């Protein structure tokens, strides 16, 4: 039978990372992070959200030690899909991500509160338009 058992637990990895949440155990005894859980790295990076096959997959929140935060969709432990990245400065980008990069339609709110819309390709966004509040 190839069914995996769902477990809840707390694990400390050899590098000092800590995980608390759901896991699955295959019939051969292999344990993977699956379901919902929180991992805190030894350097203070915190991820809370969905896991699949031992990777960040689904919706989650990643808090960097610098104060920057990403909240949104993950695939294979990368920002992938729709999300919001709040920079340490307080500015933020809301929109599409692909392989950890801003990619596609989105809005960037600068530190002064001005909202810019357009198509983003990494940190480049030619022809941004200022969104006016009416």
Protein backbone atom coordinates (compact mmCIF):
# COMPACT_ATOMS: atom_id res chain seq x y z
CA UNK A 1 0.00 0.00 0.00
CA UNK A 2 1.45 3.42 -0.95
CA UNK A 3 -0.69 5.57 1.38
CA UNK A 4 1.15 8.07 3.58
CA UNK A 5 0.21 8.57 7.22
CA UNK A 6 -0.38 12.18 8.35
CA UNK A 7 1.62 13.17 11.41
CA UNK A 8 1.93 16.31 13.51
CA UNK A 9 5.20 17.02 15.12
CA UNK A 10 8.11 19.22 15.98
CA UNK A 11 11.55 18.68 14.48
CA UNK A 12 14.95 20.31 14.95
CA UNK A 13 17.31 19.86 12.02
CA UNK A 14 21.10 19.46 12.37
CA UNK A 15 21.64 23.03 11.06
CA UNK A 16 19.43 24.47 13.83
CA UNK A 17 16.26 24.98 11.76
CA UNK A 18 13.01 24.14 13.56
CA UNK A 19 9.77 22.84 12.04
CA UNK A 20 6.40 22.51 13.76
CA UNK A 21 3.46 21.18 11.78
CA UNK A 22 2.08 18.42 9.63
CA UNK A 23 4.16 15.72 7.97
CA UNK A 24 3.56 12.53 6.07
CA UNK A 25 5.30 9.23 6.51
CA UNK A 26 5.51 6.82 3.63
CA UNK A 27 5.39 3.05 4.15
CA UNK A 28 9.20 2.92 3.88
CA UNK A 29 9.47 5.29 6.87
CA UNK A 30 10.48 8.45 5.00
CA UNK A 31 9.08 11.58 6.67
CA UNK A 32 8.36 14.75 4.65
CA UNK A 33 6.84 18.10 5.51
CA UNK A 34 3.30 17.92 4.07
CA UNK A 35 0.31 20.01 5.07
CA UNK A 36 0.52 23.18 7.14
CA UNK A 37 3.50 24.10 9.28
CA UNK A 38 5.99 26.71 10.43
CA UNK A 39 9.73 26.55 9.88
CA UNK A 40 12.13 28.92 11.58
CA UNK A 41 15.67 28.91 10.23
CA UNK A 42 18.67 29.23 12.49
CA UNK A 43 19.24 32.76 11.11
CA UNK A 44 15.65 33.88 11.90
CA UNK A 45 13.84 33.44 8.57
CA UNK A 46 10.27 32.26 9.29
CA UNK A 47 7.89 30.50 6.88
CA UNK A 48 4.32 29.68 7.86
CA UNK A 49 2.10 27.99 5.34
CA UNK A 50 1.48 24.99 3.15
CA UNK A 51 4.03 22.27 2.35
CA UNK A 52 4.02 19.48 -0.19
CA UNK A 53 6.80 16.93 -0.72
CA UNK A 54 9.10 18.73 1.74
CA UNK A 55 8.89 22.03 -0.21
CA UNK A 56 6.98 25.29 0.17
CA UNK A 57 3.93 24.64 -2.01
CA UNK A 58 0.61 26.46 -1.78
CA UNK A 59 -0.13 29.64 0.18
CA UNK A 60 2.22 30.95 2.81
CA UNK A 61 4.03 33.81 4.48
CA UNK A 62 7.82 34.21 4.49
CA UNK A 63 9.30 36.72 6.94
CA UNK A 64 12.89 37.78 6.34
CA UNK A 65 15.19 38.86 9.16
CA UNK A 66 15.49 42.28 7.45
CA UNK A 67 11.75 42.89 7.97
CA UNK A 68 10.78 42.17 4.36
CA UNK A 69 7.76 39.87 3.99
CA UNK A 70 6.32 37.83 1.11
CA UNK A 71 2.77 36.58 1.39
CA UNK A 72 1.22 34.58 -1.41
CA UNK A 73 1.62 31.50 -3.54
CA UNK A 74 4.66 29.20 -3.58
CA UNK A 75 5.65 26.37 -5.88
CA UNK A 76 8.74 24.21 -5.30
CA UNK A 77 9.92 26.62 -2.56
CA UNK A 78 9.81 29.67 -4.87
CA UNK A 79 7.52 32.69 -5.14
CA UNK A 80 5.22 31.56 -7.93
CA UNK A 81 1.76 32.92 -8.73
CA UNK A 82 0.02 35.83 -7.03
CA UNK A 83 1.43 37.50 -3.96
CA UNK A 84 2.57 40.61 -2.12
CA UNK A 85 6.18 41.42 -1.28
CA UNK A 86 6.68 44.15 1.30
CA UNK A 87 10.20 45.54 1.22
CA UNK A 88 12.16 46.59 4.30
CA UNK A 89 11.54 50.24 3.32
CA UNK A 90 7.77 49.73 3.57
CA UNK A 91 7.19 49.88 -0.18
CA UNK A 92 5.38 46.87 -1.63
CA UNK A 93 4.63 45.02 -4.83
CA UNK A 94 1.36 43.14 -5.34
CA UNK A 95 0.95 41.02 -8.43
CA UNK A 96 2.42 38.09 -10.32
CA UNK A 97 5.63 36.26 -9.45
CA UNK A 98 7.55 33.66 -11.40
CA UNK A 99 10.55 31.77 -10.01
CA UNK A 100 11.13 34.29 -7.17
CA UNK A 101 10.91 37.28 -9.52
CA UNK A 102 8.33 39.99 -10.09
CA UNK A 103 6.88 38.91 -13.40
CA UNK A 104 3.74 40.18 -15.09
CA UNK A 105 1.01 42.61 -14.15
CA UNK A 106 1.28 44.25 -10.77
CA UNK A 107 1.14 47.32 -8.57
CA UNK A 108 4.06 48.89 -6.76
CA UNK A 109 3.34 51.18 -3.84
CA UNK A 110 6.35 53.32 -3.02
CA UNK A 111 7.39 54.50 0.45
CA UNK A 112 5.44 57.76 -0.07
CA UNK A 113 2.23 55.84 -0.80
CA UNK A 114 2.11 56.48 -4.56
CA UNK A 115 0.77 53.50 -6.50
CA UNK A 116 2.35 52.56 -9.84
CA UNK A 117 0.87 49.94 -12.18
CA UNK A 118 2.34 48.08 -15.09
CA UNK A 119 4.12 45.01 -16.33
CA UNK A 120 7.13 43.91 -14.31
CA UNK A 121 10.12 41.83 -15.39
CA UNK A 122 12.30 41.30 -12.34
CA UNK A 123 13.15 44.73 -10.98
CA UNK A 124 12.47 46.37 -14.33
CA UNK A 125 9.11 47.87 -15.22
CA UNK A 126 9.19 50.05 -18.30
CA UNK A 127 6.26 52.42 -18.84
CA UNK A 128 4.83 52.30 -15.33
CA UNK A 129 1.71 54.41 -14.86
CA UNK A 130 0.83 56.37 -11.75
CA UNK A 131 -2.54 55.29 -10.41
CA UNK A 132 -4.56 58.33 -9.39
CA UNK A 133 -7.09 58.20 -6.57
CA UNK A 134 -10.34 59.65 -7.85
